[in-house]
Amino acid sequence: MLKASPAQIKQLGNRITGFLDSYGPTDVDAVLFIDEDGRSGYAPGPDAPPGCRTLMNRAAVDRLMVLHGYLPVDLEQPEMLTAFAELICENAWLS
């Protein structure tokens, strides 16, 4: 679990949309990560860049979407995107 500030949640939400646009469902090793300063980002994986911790990979993001009933179009709504970013923080691997 990642305890994130509202600003970090907002930034992660912005990263989620870029992550999903950049890496398709077959890019299962792509990762969302957080750096030492608390900023989120994404990379092709399977590991996060040096000094960063993995939040989760593309496969896990897809799994959360399915398990919690999110569709990609839902993430176009700011409140849904924020809720999904919070869900990622609650389920973060932090490896």
C-alpha atoms as a PDB file:
ATOM      1  CA  MET A   1       0.000   0.000   0.000  1.00  0.00           C
ATOM      2  CA  LEU A   2       1.204   3.469  -0.876  1.00  0.00           C
ATOM      3  CA  LYS A   3       0.078   6.379   1.281  1.00  0.00           C
ATOM      4  CA  ALA A   4      -0.123   9.141  -1.299  1.00  0.00           C
ATOM      5  CA  SER A   5      -0.963  12.807  -0.980  1.00  0.00           C
ATOM      6  CA  PRO A   6      -3.782  14.323  -3.060  1.00  0.00           C
ATOM      7  CA  ALA A   7      -1.138  15.852  -5.356  1.00  0.00           C
ATOM      8  CA  GLN A   8       0.505  12.453  -5.833  1.00  0.00           C
ATOM      9  CA  ILE A   9      -2.886  10.872  -6.577  1.00  0.00           C
ATOM     10  CA  LYS A  10      -3.561  13.523  -9.209  1.00  0.00           C
ATOM     11  CA  GLN A  11      -0.137  13.037 -10.792  1.00  0.00           C
ATOM     12  CA  LEU A  12      -0.582   9.253 -10.773  1.00  0.00           C
ATOM     13  CA  GLY A  13      -3.957   9.676 -12.479  1.00  0.00           C
ATOM     14  CA  ASN A  14      -2.261  11.650 -15.234  1.00  0.00           C
ATOM     15  CA  ARG A  15       0.379   8.931 -15.544  1.00  0.00           C
ATOM     16  CA  ILE A  16      -2.235   6.152 -15.713  1.00  0.00           C
ATOM     17  CA  THR A  17      -3.782   7.536 -18.874  1.00  0.00           C
ATOM     18  CA  GLY A  18      -0.373   7.903 -20.522  1.00  0.00           C
ATOM     19  CA  PHE A  19       0.588   4.428 -19.346  1.00  0.00           C
ATOM     20  CA  LEU A  20      -2.533   2.850 -20.853  1.00  0.00           C
ATOM     21  CA  ASP A  21      -2.072   4.814 -24.097  1.00  0.00           C
ATOM     22  CA  SER A  22       1.609   3.854 -24.364  1.00  0.00           C
ATOM     23  CA  TYR A  23       1.387   0.178 -23.409  1.00  0.00           C
ATOM     24  CA  GLY A  24      -1.320  -2.145 -24.656  1.00  0.00           C
ATOM     25  CA  PRO A  25      -2.711  -5.245 -22.951  1.00  0.00           C
ATOM     26  CA  THR A  26       0.030  -7.394 -24.495  1.00  0.00           C
ATOM     27  CA  ASP A  27       2.725  -5.251 -22.822  1.00  0.00           C
ATOM     28  CA  VAL A  28       2.199  -7.081 -19.536  1.00  0.00           C
ATOM     29  CA  ASP A  29       5.679  -6.234 -18.185  1.00  0.00           C
ATOM     30  CA  ALA A  30       5.310  -2.449 -18.515  1.00  0.00           C
ATOM     31  CA  VAL A  31       5.363  -0.850 -15.070  1.00  0.00           C
ATOM     32  CA  LEU A  32       3.995   2.118 -13.186  1.00  0.00           C
ATOM     33  CA  PHE A  33       6.591   3.274 -10.660  1.00  0.00           C
ATOM     34  CA  ILE A  34       7.295   5.888  -8.024  1.00  0.00           C
ATOM     35  CA  ASP A  35      10.665   7.582  -7.642  1.00  0.00           C
ATOM     36  CA  GLU A  36      12.539   8.645  -4.506  1.00  0.00           C
ATOM     37  CA  ASP A  37      10.833  12.058  -4.579  1.00  0.00           C
ATOM     38  CA  GLY A  38       7.327  10.553  -4.701  1.00  0.00           C
ATOM     39  CA  ARG A  39       6.735  11.249  -8.397  1.00  0.00           C
ATOM     40  CA  SER A  40       5.121   8.542 -10.481  1.00  0.00           C
ATOM     41  CA  GLY A  41       6.023   7.443 -13.970  1.00  0.00           C
ATOM     42  CA  TYR A  42       5.992   4.457 -16.287  1.00  0.00           C
ATOM     43  CA  ALA A  43       8.510   2.354 -18.161  1.00  0.00           C
ATOM     44  CA  PRO A  44       8.590  -0.704 -20.440  1.00  0.00           C
ATOM     45  CA  GLY A  45       9.624  -2.951 -17.524  1.00  0.00           C
ATOM     46  CA  PRO A  46       9.864  -5.576 -16.303  1.00  0.00           C
ATOM     47  CA  ASP A  47      11.715  -3.566 -13.645  1.00  0.00           C
ATOM     48  CA  ALA A  48      11.343   0.025 -12.552  1.00  0.00           C
ATOM     49  CA  PRO A  49      14.245   2.374 -13.293  1.00  0.00           C
ATOM     50  CA  PRO A  50      17.097   2.402 -10.726  1.00  0.00           C
ATOM     51  CA  GLY A  51      16.104   4.120  -7.492  1.00  0.00           C
ATOM     52  CA  CYS A  52      12.372   3.658  -8.156  1.00  0.00           C
ATOM     53  CA  ARG A  53       9.818   1.250  -6.759  1.00  0.00           C
ATOM     54  CA  THR A  54       7.284  -0.591  -8.873  1.00  0.00           C
ATOM     55  CA  LEU A  55       3.640   0.222  -8.127  1.00  0.00           C
ATOM     56  CA  MET A  56       2.360  -2.494 -10.490  1.00  0.00           C
ATOM     57  CA  ASN A  57       2.690  -3.797 -14.022  1.00  0.00           C
ATOM     58  CA  ARG A  58       0.271  -3.525 -16.929  1.00  0.00           C
ATOM     59  CA  ALA A  59      -1.206  -6.958 -16.247  1.00  0.00           C
ATOM     60  CA  ALA A  60      -2.032  -5.958 -12.661  1.00  0.00           C
ATOM     61  CA  VAL A  61      -3.583  -2.660 -13.808  1.00  0.00           C
ATOM     62  CA  ASP A  62      -5.788  -4.591 -16.229  1.00  0.00           C
ATOM     63  CA  ARG A  63      -6.722  -7.046 -13.483  1.00  0.00           C
ATOM     64  CA  LEU A  64      -7.770  -4.188 -11.161  1.00  0.00           C
ATOM     65  CA  MET A  65      -9.842  -2.661 -13.944  1.00  0.00           C
ATOM     66  CA  VAL A  66     -11.666  -5.946 -14.534  1.00  0.00           C
ATOM     67  CA  LEU A  67     -12.143  -6.816 -10.859  1.00  0.00           C
ATOM     68  CA  HIS A  68     -13.517  -3.356 -10.029  1.00  0.00           C
ATOM     69  CA  GLY A  69     -15.561  -2.854 -13.190  1.00  0.00           C
ATOM     70  CA  TYR A  70     -13.559  -0.023 -14.775  1.00  0.00           C
ATOM     71  CA  LEU A  71     -13.585   0.522 -18.522  1.00  0.00           C
ATOM     72  CA  PRO A  72     -10.980   2.691 -20.280  1.00  0.00           C
ATOM     73  CA  VAL A  73     -13.715   5.231 -21.074  1.00  0.00           C
ATOM     74  CA  ASP A  74     -14.415   5.559 -17.320  1.00  0.00           C
ATOM     75  CA  LEU A  75     -10.934   6.986 -16.834  1.00  0.00           C
ATOM     76  CA  GLU A  76     -11.856   9.981 -18.989  1.00  0.00           C
ATOM     77  CA  GLN A  77     -13.954  11.226 -16.070  1.00  0.00           C
ATOM     78  CA  PRO A  78     -11.733  13.006 -13.496  1.00  0.00           C
ATOM     79  CA  GLU A  79     -13.516  11.560 -10.457  1.00  0.00           C
ATOM     80  CA  MET A  80     -13.285   8.014 -11.831  1.00  0.00           C
ATOM     81  CA  LEU A  81      -9.614   8.494 -12.683  1.00  0.00           C
ATOM     82  CA  THR A  82      -8.918   9.736  -9.162  1.00  0.00           C
ATOM     83  CA  ALA A  83     -10.758   6.759  -7.674  1.00  0.00           C
ATOM     84  CA  PHE A  84      -8.768   4.366  -9.864  1.00  0.00           C
ATOM     85  CA  ALA A  85      -5.473   6.056  -8.912  1.00  0.00           C
ATOM     86  CA  GLU A  86      -6.421   5.614  -5.242  1.00  0.00           C
ATOM     87  CA  LEU A  87      -7.172   1.943  -5.946  1.00  0.00           C
ATOM     88  CA  ILE A  88      -3.717   1.501  -7.463  1.00  0.00           C
ATOM     89  CA  CYS A  89      -2.162   3.067  -4.357  1.00  0.00           C
ATOM     90  CA  GLU A  90      -4.139   0.718  -2.110  1.00  0.00           C
ATOM     91  CA  ASN A  91      -2.902  -2.286  -4.103  1.00  0.00           C
ATOM     92  CA  ALA A  92       0.644  -1.111  -4.884  1.00  0.00           C
ATOM     93  CA  TRP A  93       3.384  -3.713  -4.831  1.00  0.00           C
ATOM     94  CA  LEU A  94       6.200  -1.278  -3.893  1.00  0.00           C
ATOM     95  CA  SER A  95       8.908  -3.683  -4.976  1.00  0.00           C
END
